All heavy atoms as atom14 arrays in JSON, in Angstrom:
{
  "sequence": "NNIYGIVSWENVLSKTGLFNIYRFLRDVKRHPEPEWLSERLANGNF",
  "atom14_mask": [
    [1, 1, 1, 1, 1, 1, 1, 1, 0, 0, 0, 0, 0, 0],
    [1, 1, 1, 1, 1, 1, 1, 1, 0, 0, 0, 0, 0, 0],
    [1, 1, 1, 1, 1, 1, 1, 1, 0, 0, 0, 0, 0, 0],
    [1, 1, 1, 1, 1, 1, 1, 1, 1, 1, 1, 1, 0, 0],
    [1, 1, 1, 1, 0, 0, 0, 0, 0, 0, 0, 0, 0, 0],
    [1, 1, 1, 1, 1, 1, 1, 1, 0, 0, 0, 0, 0, 0],
    [1, 1, 1, 1, 1, 1, 1, 0, 0, 0, 0, 0, 0, 0],
    [1, 1, 1, 1, 1, 1, 0, 0, 0, 0, 0, 0, 0, 0],
    [1, 1, 1, 1, 1, 1, 1, 1, 1, 1, 1, 1, 1, 1],
    [1, 1, 1, 1, 1, 1, 1, 1, 1, 0, 0, 0, 0, 0],
    [1, 1, 1, 1, 1, 1, 1, 1, 0, 0, 0, 0, 0, 0],
    [1, 1, 1, 1, 1, 1, 1, 0, 0, 0, 0, 0, 0, 0],
    [1, 1, 1, 1, 1, 1, 1, 1, 0, 0, 0, 0, 0, 0],
    [1, 1, 1, 1, 1, 1, 0, 0, 0, 0, 0, 0, 0, 0],
    [1, 1, 1, 1, 1, 1, 1, 1, 1, 0, 0, 0, 0, 0],
    [1, 1, 1, 1, 1, 1, 1, 0, 0, 0, 0, 0, 0, 0],
    [1, 1, 1, 1, 0, 0, 0, 0, 0, 0, 0, 0, 0, 0],
    [1, 1, 1, 1, 1, 1, 1, 1, 0, 0, 0, 0, 0, 0],
    [1, 1, 1, 1, 1, 1, 1, 1, 1, 1, 1, 0, 0, 0],
    [1, 1, 1, 1, 1, 1, 1, 1, 0, 0, 0, 0, 0, 0],
    [1, 1, 1, 1, 1, 1, 1, 1, 0, 0, 0, 0, 0, 0],
    [1, 1, 1, 1, 1, 1, 1, 1, 1, 1, 1, 1, 0, 0],
    [1, 1, 1, 1, 1, 1, 1, 1, 1, 1, 1, 0, 0, 0],
    [1, 1, 1, 1, 1, 1, 1, 1, 1, 1, 1, 0, 0, 0],
    [1, 1, 1, 1, 1, 1, 1, 1, 0, 0, 0, 0, 0, 0],
    [1, 1, 1, 1, 1, 1, 1, 1, 1, 1, 1, 0, 0, 0],
    [1, 1, 1, 1, 1, 1, 1, 1, 0, 0, 0, 0, 0, 0],
    [1, 1, 1, 1, 1, 1, 1, 0, 0, 0, 0, 0, 0, 0],
    [1, 1, 1, 1, 1, 1, 1, 1, 1, 0, 0, 0, 0, 0],
    [1, 1, 1, 1, 1, 1, 1, 1, 1, 1, 1, 0, 0, 0],
    [1, 1, 1, 1, 1, 1, 1, 1, 1, 1, 0, 0, 0, 0],
    [1, 1, 1, 1, 1, 1, 1, 0, 0, 0, 0, 0, 0, 0],
    [1, 1, 1, 1, 1, 1, 1, 1, 1, 0, 0, 0, 0, 0],
    [1, 1, 1, 1, 1, 1, 1, 0, 0, 0, 0, 0, 0, 0],
    [1, 1, 1, 1, 1, 1, 1, 1, 1, 0, 0, 0, 0, 0],
    [1, 1, 1, 1, 1, 1, 1, 1, 1, 1, 1, 1, 1, 1],
    [1, 1, 1, 1, 1, 1, 1, 1, 0, 0, 0, 0, 0, 0],
    [1, 1, 1, 1, 1, 1, 0, 0, 0, 0, 0, 0, 0, 0],
    [1, 1, 1, 1, 1, 1, 1, 1, 1, 0, 0, 0, 0, 0],
    [1, 1, 1, 1, 1, 1, 1, 1, 1, 1, 1, 0, 0, 0],
    [1, 1, 1, 1, 1, 1, 1, 1, 0, 0, 0, 0, 0, 0],
    [1, 1, 1, 1, 1, 0, 0, 0, 0, 0, 0, 0, 0, 0],
    [1, 1, 1, 1, 1, 1, 1, 1, 0, 0, 0, 0, 0, 0],
    [1, 1, 1, 1, 0, 0, 0, 0, 0, 0, 0, 0, 0, 0],
    [1, 1, 1, 1, 1, 1, 1, 1, 0, 0, 0, 0, 0, 0],
    [1, 1, 1, 1, 1, 1, 1, 1, 1, 1, 1, 0, 0, 0]
  ],
  "atom14_positions": [
    [[103.13, 166.5, 103.12], [103.29, 167.86, 102.48], [102.05, 167.84, 101.46], [101.47, 169.03, 101.3], [104.51, 167.93, 101.63], [104.58, 169.23, 100.86], [104.52, 169.23, 99.64], [104.81, 170.4, 101.56], [0.0, 0.0, 0.0], [0.0, 0.0, 0.0], [0.0, 0.0, 0.0], [0.0, 0.0, 0.0], [0.0, 0.0, 0.0], [0.0, 0.0, 0.0]],
    [[101.68, 166.81, 100.8], [100.65, 166.72, 99.9], [99.23, 167.07, 100.74], [98.27, 167.49, 100.11], [100.51, 165.45, 99.18], [101.63, 165.25, 98.08], [102.03, 166.37, 97.55], [102.05, 164.13, 97.82], [0.0, 0.0, 0.0], [0.0, 0.0, 0.0], [0.0, 0.0, 0.0], [0.0, 0.0, 0.0], [0.0, 0.0, 0.0], [0.0, 0.0, 0.0]],
    [[99.26, 166.72, 101.98], [97.94, 166.89, 102.77], [97.92, 168.3, 103.36], [96.91, 169.0, 103.28], [97.88, 165.82, 103.86], [97.8, 164.42, 103.12], [96.72, 166.08, 104.77], [98.04, 163.23, 104.2], [0.0, 0.0, 0.0], [0.0, 0.0, 0.0], [0.0, 0.0, 0.0], [0.0, 0.0, 0.0], [0.0, 0.0, 0.0], [0.0, 0.0, 0.0]],
    [[99.11, 168.77, 103.9], [99.08, 169.94, 104.77], [99.78, 171.1, 104.25], [99.58, 172.2, 104.69], [99.74, 169.56, 106.17], [99.1, 168.57, 107.0], [99.53, 167.26, 107.1], [97.87, 168.83, 107.67], [99.0, 166.34, 107.88], [97.23, 167.84, 108.36], [97.82, 166.55, 108.46], [97.24, 165.61, 109.23], [0.0, 0.0, 0.0], [0.0, 0.0, 0.0]],
    [[100.6, 170.92, 103.24], [101.45, 172.0, 102.72], [102.75, 172.14, 103.67], [103.64, 171.4, 103.51], [0.0, 0.0, 0.0], [0.0, 0.0, 0.0], [0.0, 0.0, 0.0], [0.0, 0.0, 0.0], [0.0, 0.0, 0.0], [0.0, 0.0, 0.0], [0.0, 0.0, 0.0], [0.0, 0.0, 0.0], [0.0, 0.0, 0.0], [0.0, 0.0, 0.0]],
    [[102.68, 173.07, 104.63], [103.67, 172.95, 105.58], [103.5, 172.0, 106.51], [102.38, 171.79, 107.08], [103.73, 174.48, 106.42], [104.14, 175.47, 105.3], [104.66, 174.35, 107.49], [104.06, 176.89, 105.99], [0.0, 0.0, 0.0], [0.0, 0.0, 0.0], [0.0, 0.0, 0.0], [0.0, 0.0, 0.0], [0.0, 0.0, 0.0], [0.0, 0.0, 0.0]],
    [[104.55, 171.16, 106.86], [104.31, 169.98, 107.8], [104.99, 170.36, 109.02], [106.23, 170.61, 109.2], [105.07, 168.76, 107.29], [104.93, 167.57, 108.06], [104.58, 168.4, 105.8], [0.0, 0.0, 0.0], [0.0, 0.0, 0.0], [0.0, 0.0, 0.0], [0.0, 0.0, 0.0], [0.0, 0.0, 0.0], [0.0, 0.0, 0.0], [0.0, 0.0, 0.0]],
    [[104.18, 170.46, 110.15], [104.66, 170.82, 111.42], [104.87, 169.48, 112.3], [104.34, 168.46, 111.98], [103.71, 171.7, 112.27], [102.47, 170.96, 112.58], [0.0, 0.0, 0.0], [0.0, 0.0, 0.0], [0.0, 0.0, 0.0], [0.0, 0.0, 0.0], [0.0, 0.0, 0.0], [0.0, 0.0, 0.0], [0.0, 0.0, 0.0], [0.0, 0.0, 0.0]],
    [[105.5, 169.78, 113.45], [105.85, 168.64, 114.31], [104.48, 168.11, 114.87], [104.32, 166.9, 115.17], [106.81, 169.01, 115.41], [108.19, 168.86, 115.05], [109.01, 169.81, 114.71], [108.99, 167.64, 114.97], [110.28, 169.28, 114.46], [110.24, 167.94, 114.57], [108.55, 166.28, 115.22], [111.09, 166.96, 114.39], [109.61, 165.34, 115.04], [110.84, 165.66, 114.55]],
    [[103.52, 169.02, 114.95], [102.24, 168.61, 115.44], [101.54, 167.56, 114.59], [100.68, 166.8, 114.98], [101.32, 169.78, 115.7], [99.9, 169.48, 116.36], [99.19, 170.69, 116.76], [98.46, 171.27, 115.96], [99.3, 170.97, 117.91], [0.0, 0.0, 0.0], [0.0, 0.0, 0.0], [0.0, 0.0, 0.0], [0.0, 0.0, 0.0], [0.0, 0.0, 0.0]],
    [[101.81, 167.58, 113.24], [101.32, 166.71, 112.24], [102.02, 165.34, 112.44], [101.47, 164.31, 111.76], [101.57, 167.12, 110.76], [100.98, 168.52, 110.5], [101.65, 169.33, 109.85], [99.79, 168.73, 110.91], [0.0, 0.0, 0.0], [0.0, 0.0, 0.0], [0.0, 0.0, 0.0], [0.0, 0.0, 0.0], [0.0, 0.0, 0.0], [0.0, 0.0, 0.0]],
    [[103.0, 165.17, 113.35], [103.74, 163.98, 113.52], [103.54, 163.36, 114.89], [103.38, 162.27, 115.15], [105.28, 164.07, 113.16], [106.04, 162.91, 113.44], [105.38, 164.68, 111.76], [0.0, 0.0, 0.0], [0.0, 0.0, 0.0], [0.0, 0.0, 0.0], [0.0, 0.0, 0.0], [0.0, 0.0, 0.0], [0.0, 0.0, 0.0], [0.0, 0.0, 0.0]],
    [[103.6, 164.32, 115.98], [103.53, 163.98, 117.31], [102.27, 164.5, 117.91], [102.22, 165.47, 118.67], [104.75, 164.48, 118.05], [106.15, 164.05, 117.56], [107.14, 164.75, 118.32], [106.2, 162.53, 117.94], [0.0, 0.0, 0.0], [0.0, 0.0, 0.0], [0.0, 0.0, 0.0], [0.0, 0.0, 0.0], [0.0, 0.0, 0.0], [0.0, 0.0, 0.0]],
    [[101.12, 163.67, 117.7], [99.84, 163.99, 118.26], [99.03, 162.79, 117.93], [99.54, 161.83, 117.29], [99.2, 165.24, 117.5], [99.16, 165.06, 116.16], [0.0, 0.0, 0.0], [0.0, 0.0, 0.0], [0.0, 0.0, 0.0], [0.0, 0.0, 0.0], [0.0, 0.0, 0.0], [0.0, 0.0, 0.0], [0.0, 0.0, 0.0], [0.0, 0.0, 0.0]],
    [[97.72, 162.76, 118.38], [96.95, 161.73, 117.97], [96.73, 161.52, 116.42], [96.81, 160.46, 115.85], [95.42, 161.87, 118.62], [95.56, 161.59, 120.09], [94.17, 161.8, 120.73], [94.27, 161.65, 122.22], [93.01, 161.88, 122.82], [0.0, 0.0, 0.0], [0.0, 0.0, 0.0], [0.0, 0.0, 0.0], [0.0, 0.0, 0.0], [0.0, 0.0, 0.0]],
    [[96.55, 162.73, 115.78], [96.52, 162.78, 114.28], [97.84, 162.34, 113.63], [97.97, 161.71, 112.75], [96.12, 164.15, 113.8], [94.84, 164.6, 114.32], [96.18, 164.26, 112.39], [0.0, 0.0, 0.0], [0.0, 0.0, 0.0], [0.0, 0.0, 0.0], [0.0, 0.0, 0.0], [0.0, 0.0, 0.0], [0.0, 0.0, 0.0], [0.0, 0.0, 0.0]],
    [[99.0, 162.86, 114.45], [100.37, 162.38, 113.96], [100.53, 160.85, 113.95], [101.06, 160.29, 113.07], [0.0, 0.0, 0.0], [0.0, 0.0, 0.0], [0.0, 0.0, 0.0], [0.0, 0.0, 0.0], [0.0, 0.0, 0.0], [0.0, 0.0, 0.0], [0.0, 0.0, 0.0], [0.0, 0.0, 0.0], [0.0, 0.0, 0.0], [0.0, 0.0, 0.0]],
    [[100.01, 160.28, 115.01], [100.23, 158.75, 114.99], [99.36, 158.14, 113.8], [99.8, 157.17, 113.2], [99.76, 158.23, 116.43], [99.86, 156.7, 116.52], [101.2, 156.14, 116.3], [99.38, 156.24, 118.01], [0.0, 0.0, 0.0], [0.0, 0.0, 0.0], [0.0, 0.0, 0.0], [0.0, 0.0, 0.0], [0.0, 0.0, 0.0], [0.0, 0.0, 0.0]],
    [[98.11, 158.64, 113.69], [97.42, 158.16, 112.55], [98.16, 158.44, 111.24], [98.07, 157.58, 110.31], [95.94, 158.88, 112.51], [95.15, 158.56, 111.36], [94.7, 157.22, 111.13], [94.87, 159.49, 110.35], [93.96, 156.94, 110.0], [94.12, 159.25, 109.36], [93.68, 157.9, 109.06], [0.0, 0.0, 0.0], [0.0, 0.0, 0.0], [0.0, 0.0, 0.0]],
    [[98.73, 159.59, 111.12], [99.45, 159.91, 109.84], [100.59, 158.94, 109.57], [100.86, 158.46, 108.44], [100.08, 161.39, 109.82], [98.94, 162.34, 109.8], [97.95, 162.23, 109.22], [99.29, 163.61, 110.19], [0.0, 0.0, 0.0], [0.0, 0.0, 0.0], [0.0, 0.0, 0.0], [0.0, 0.0, 0.0], [0.0, 0.0, 0.0], [0.0, 0.0, 0.0]],
    [[101.36, 158.58, 110.65], [102.36, 157.53, 110.52], [101.72, 156.22, 110.05], [102.24, 155.53, 109.16], [103.16, 157.42, 111.93], [103.91, 158.67, 112.11], [104.15, 156.23, 111.81], [104.49, 158.71, 113.56], [0.0, 0.0, 0.0], [0.0, 0.0, 0.0], [0.0, 0.0, 0.0], [0.0, 0.0, 0.0], [0.0, 0.0, 0.0], [0.0, 0.0, 0.0]],
    [[100.75, 155.9, 110.77], [100.07, 154.59, 110.57], [99.58, 154.37, 109.07], [99.81, 153.43, 108.34], [99.0, 154.36, 111.51], [98.17, 153.0, 111.27], [98.75, 151.85, 111.81], [97.06, 152.92, 110.4], [98.03, 150.63, 111.59], [96.42, 151.63, 110.28], [96.9, 150.58, 110.83], [96.23, 149.29, 110.61], [0.0, 0.0, 0.0], [0.0, 0.0, 0.0]],
    [[98.91, 155.54, 108.53], [98.33, 155.46, 107.23], [99.36, 155.49, 106.19], [99.25, 155.04, 105.1], [97.22, 156.5, 107.02], [97.49, 157.91, 107.05], [96.4, 158.88, 106.81], [96.64, 160.26, 107.17], [95.96, 161.18, 106.59], [94.93, 160.93, 105.8], [96.14, 162.45, 106.88], [0.0, 0.0, 0.0], [0.0, 0.0, 0.0], [0.0, 0.0, 0.0]],
    [[100.48, 156.25, 106.55], [101.64, 156.24, 105.56], [102.21, 154.77, 105.45], [102.45, 154.31, 104.27], [102.76, 157.26, 106.06], [104.04, 157.01, 105.28], [104.25, 157.51, 104.08], [105.18, 156.34, 106.0], [105.51, 157.42, 103.38], [106.31, 156.2, 105.25], [106.48, 156.76, 103.99], [0.0, 0.0, 0.0], [0.0, 0.0, 0.0], [0.0, 0.0, 0.0]],
    [[102.31, 154.06, 106.57], [102.8, 152.81, 106.45], [101.86, 151.83, 105.74], [102.27, 151.0, 104.96], [103.05, 152.2, 107.86], [104.22, 152.84, 108.73], [104.11, 152.41, 110.08], [105.52, 152.66, 108.08], [0.0, 0.0, 0.0], [0.0, 0.0, 0.0], [0.0, 0.0, 0.0], [0.0, 0.0, 0.0], [0.0, 0.0, 0.0], [0.0, 0.0, 0.0]],
    [[100.62, 152.01, 105.93], [99.57, 151.12, 105.31], [99.39, 151.55, 103.84], [99.32, 150.6, 102.9], [98.23, 151.41, 106.06], [97.09, 150.49, 105.53], [95.8, 151.01, 106.18], [95.48, 152.39, 105.82], [94.58, 153.12, 106.44], [93.85, 152.7, 107.36], [94.36, 154.38, 105.96], [0.0, 0.0, 0.0], [0.0, 0.0, 0.0], [0.0, 0.0, 0.0]],
    [[99.25, 152.81, 103.51], [98.82, 153.22, 102.22], [99.93, 153.47, 101.19], [99.74, 153.33, 99.96], [97.95, 154.5, 102.25], [96.78, 154.21, 103.0], [96.33, 153.13, 103.34], [96.19, 155.34, 103.53], [0.0, 0.0, 0.0], [0.0, 0.0, 0.0], [0.0, 0.0, 0.0], [0.0, 0.0, 0.0], [0.0, 0.0, 0.0], [0.0, 0.0, 0.0]],
    [[101.09, 153.82, 101.7], [102.3, 154.14, 100.83], [103.3, 152.95, 100.88], [103.66, 152.5, 99.87], [102.89, 155.53, 101.29], [104.24, 155.65, 100.38], [101.94, 156.53, 101.14], [0.0, 0.0, 0.0], [0.0, 0.0, 0.0], [0.0, 0.0, 0.0], [0.0, 0.0, 0.0], [0.0, 0.0, 0.0], [0.0, 0.0, 0.0], [0.0, 0.0, 0.0]],
    [[103.68, 152.53, 102.14], [104.65, 151.41, 102.22], [104.04, 150.12, 102.12], [104.72, 149.1, 102.1], [105.39, 151.7, 103.54], [106.13, 152.96, 103.63], [106.97, 153.38, 102.51], [108.19, 152.5, 102.38], [109.14, 152.97, 101.22], [0.0, 0.0, 0.0], [0.0, 0.0, 0.0], [0.0, 0.0, 0.0], [0.0, 0.0, 0.0], [0.0, 0.0, 0.0]],
    [[102.7, 149.95, 102.08], [101.93, 148.83, 101.77], [102.1, 147.67, 102.9], [102.12, 146.46, 102.58], [102.22, 148.24, 100.41], [101.86, 149.21, 99.28], [100.41, 149.5, 99.25], [100.11, 150.34, 98.12], [98.94, 150.95, 98.03], [97.98, 150.73, 98.83], [98.74, 151.82, 96.9], [0.0, 0.0, 0.0], [0.0, 0.0, 0.0], [0.0, 0.0, 0.0]],
    [[102.25, 148.07, 104.19], [102.28, 147.22, 105.18], [100.77, 146.68, 105.33], [99.85, 147.39, 105.4], [102.85, 147.75, 106.49], [104.26, 148.07, 106.55], [105.17, 147.13, 106.84], [104.9, 149.22, 106.2], [106.32, 147.75, 106.69], [106.2, 148.97, 106.41], [0.0, 0.0, 0.0], [0.0, 0.0, 0.0], [0.0, 0.0, 0.0], [0.0, 0.0, 0.0]],
    [[100.72, 145.32, 105.55], [99.25, 144.79, 105.62], [98.56, 145.18, 106.95], [99.19, 145.18, 107.92], [99.56, 143.33, 105.54], [100.89, 143.09, 105.95], [101.61, 144.34, 105.48], [0.0, 0.0, 0.0], [0.0, 0.0, 0.0], [0.0, 0.0, 0.0], [0.0, 0.0, 0.0], [0.0, 0.0, 0.0], [0.0, 0.0, 0.0], [0.0, 0.0, 0.0]],
    [[97.3, 145.47, 106.81], [96.53, 145.69, 107.9], [95.45, 144.64, 108.15], [94.52, 144.39, 107.25], [95.75, 147.07, 107.84], [94.81, 147.38, 108.93], [94.0, 148.66, 108.61], [92.98, 148.48, 107.77], [94.24, 149.73, 109.14], [0.0, 0.0, 0.0], [0.0, 0.0, 0.0], [0.0, 0.0, 0.0], [0.0, 0.0, 0.0], [0.0, 0.0, 0.0]],
    [[95.43, 143.88, 109.24], [94.45, 142.75, 109.33], [93.07, 143.37, 109.35], [92.84, 144.4, 109.83], [94.75, 142.21, 110.72], [96.23, 142.53, 111.02], [96.49, 143.91, 110.35], [0.0, 0.0, 0.0], [0.0, 0.0, 0.0], [0.0, 0.0, 0.0], [0.0, 0.0, 0.0], [0.0, 0.0, 0.0], [0.0, 0.0, 0.0], [0.0, 0.0, 0.0]],
    [[92.15, 142.66, 108.78], [90.75, 143.08, 108.8], [90.16, 143.4, 110.05], [89.42, 144.35, 110.31], [89.94, 141.97, 108.01], [88.41, 142.42, 107.75], [87.76, 141.51, 106.89], [88.35, 140.56, 106.19], [86.44, 141.62, 106.75], [0.0, 0.0, 0.0], [0.0, 0.0, 0.0], [0.0, 0.0, 0.0], [0.0, 0.0, 0.0], [0.0, 0.0, 0.0]],
    [[90.42, 142.56, 111.01], [89.92, 142.68, 112.41], [90.39, 144.05, 113.02], [89.76, 144.68, 113.77], [90.16, 141.56, 113.33], [91.69, 141.23, 113.49], [92.5, 140.28, 112.87], [92.6, 141.9, 114.46], [93.71, 140.39, 113.26], [93.86, 141.22, 114.21], [92.46, 142.85, 115.45], [94.98, 141.63, 114.97], [93.55, 143.34, 116.06], [94.83, 142.54, 115.96]],
    [[91.62, 144.36, 112.67], [92.19, 145.58, 113.24], [91.53, 146.81, 112.55], [91.32, 147.86, 113.24], [93.71, 145.59, 112.88], [94.47, 146.95, 113.31], [94.33, 147.18, 114.91], [95.98, 146.85, 112.98], [0.0, 0.0, 0.0], [0.0, 0.0, 0.0], [0.0, 0.0, 0.0], [0.0, 0.0, 0.0], [0.0, 0.0, 0.0], [0.0, 0.0, 0.0]],
    [[91.24, 146.72, 111.26], [90.52, 147.83, 110.61], [89.28, 148.12, 111.35], [88.84, 149.29, 111.42], [90.27, 147.4, 109.1], [89.66, 148.47, 108.52], [0.0, 0.0, 0.0], [0.0, 0.0, 0.0], [0.0, 0.0, 0.0], [0.0, 0.0, 0.0], [0.0, 0.0, 0.0], [0.0, 0.0, 0.0], [0.0, 0.0, 0.0], [0.0, 0.0, 0.0]],
    [[88.48, 147.01, 111.77], [87.19, 147.28, 112.36], [87.49, 147.93, 113.79], [86.74, 148.76, 114.23], [86.62, 145.92, 112.54], [86.1, 145.3, 111.24], [85.51, 143.92, 111.36], [85.37, 143.47, 112.53], [85.13, 143.47, 110.36], [0.0, 0.0, 0.0], [0.0, 0.0, 0.0], [0.0, 0.0, 0.0], [0.0, 0.0, 0.0], [0.0, 0.0, 0.0]],
    [[88.51, 147.45, 114.54], [88.69, 147.95, 115.85], [89.08, 149.51, 115.67], [88.72, 150.31, 116.46], [89.86, 147.29, 116.46], [89.55, 145.93, 117.0], [90.73, 145.38, 117.81], [90.42, 144.0, 118.16], [91.42, 143.28, 118.9], [92.47, 143.85, 119.3], [91.15, 141.99, 119.18], [0.0, 0.0, 0.0], [0.0, 0.0, 0.0], [0.0, 0.0, 0.0]],
    [[89.98, 149.83, 114.72], [90.46, 151.14, 114.58], [89.33, 152.17, 114.28], [89.17, 153.24, 114.62], [91.54, 151.16, 113.47], [92.87, 150.61, 113.81], [93.82, 150.77, 112.72], [93.57, 151.15, 115.07], [0.0, 0.0, 0.0], [0.0, 0.0, 0.0], [0.0, 0.0, 0.0], [0.0, 0.0, 0.0], [0.0, 0.0, 0.0], [0.0, 0.0, 0.0]],
    [[88.27, 151.58, 113.53], [87.2, 152.4, 113.06], [86.23, 152.68, 114.29], [85.58, 153.76, 114.26], [86.5, 151.76, 111.97], [0.0, 0.0, 0.0], [0.0, 0.0, 0.0], [0.0, 0.0, 0.0], [0.0, 0.0, 0.0], [0.0, 0.0, 0.0], [0.0, 0.0, 0.0], [0.0, 0.0, 0.0], [0.0, 0.0, 0.0], [0.0, 0.0, 0.0]],
    [[86.22, 151.68, 115.19], [85.22, 151.92, 116.29], [85.77, 152.15, 117.55], [85.0, 152.45, 118.58], [84.38, 150.44, 116.31], [83.64, 150.16, 115.04], [83.02, 151.03, 114.37], [83.79, 148.96, 114.52], [0.0, 0.0, 0.0], [0.0, 0.0, 0.0], [0.0, 0.0, 0.0], [0.0, 0.0, 0.0], [0.0, 0.0, 0.0], [0.0, 0.0, 0.0]],
    [[87.06, 152.06, 117.75], [87.55, 152.23, 119.1], [88.54, 153.5, 119.2], [88.56, 154.32, 118.32], [0.0, 0.0, 0.0], [0.0, 0.0, 0.0], [0.0, 0.0, 0.0], [0.0, 0.0, 0.0], [0.0, 0.0, 0.0], [0.0, 0.0, 0.0], [0.0, 0.0, 0.0], [0.0, 0.0, 0.0], [0.0, 0.0, 0.0], [0.0, 0.0, 0.0]],
    [[89.18, 153.68, 120.38], [90.19, 154.71, 120.54], [91.41, 154.3, 119.67], [92.09, 153.34, 119.97], [90.46, 154.76, 122.03], [91.58, 155.87, 122.37], [92.69, 155.82, 121.94], [91.15, 156.82, 123.11], [0.0, 0.0, 0.0], [0.0, 0.0, 0.0], [0.0, 0.0, 0.0], [0.0, 0.0, 0.0], [0.0, 0.0, 0.0], [0.0, 0.0, 0.0]],
    [[91.77, 155.11, 118.74], [92.86, 154.79, 117.77], [94.17, 154.44, 118.54], [94.83, 153.28, 118.2], [93.05, 155.92, 116.78], [94.08, 155.54, 115.72], [93.75, 154.74, 114.64], [95.34, 155.93, 115.88], [94.77, 154.5, 113.65], [96.35, 155.76, 114.95], [96.02, 154.96, 113.81], [0.0, 0.0, 0.0], [0.0, 0.0, 0.0], [0.0, 0.0, 0.0]]
  ]
}
């Protein structure tokens, strides 16, 4: 809601949606992200 205002299902179930779920887990819930994975996500197909 802080990002989009109205939150649609497309914000959850799409390529961006999967990224939204992942970054919520990483940035808000503080699940650790391995450094090697960060590099792969930045350079590959998410």
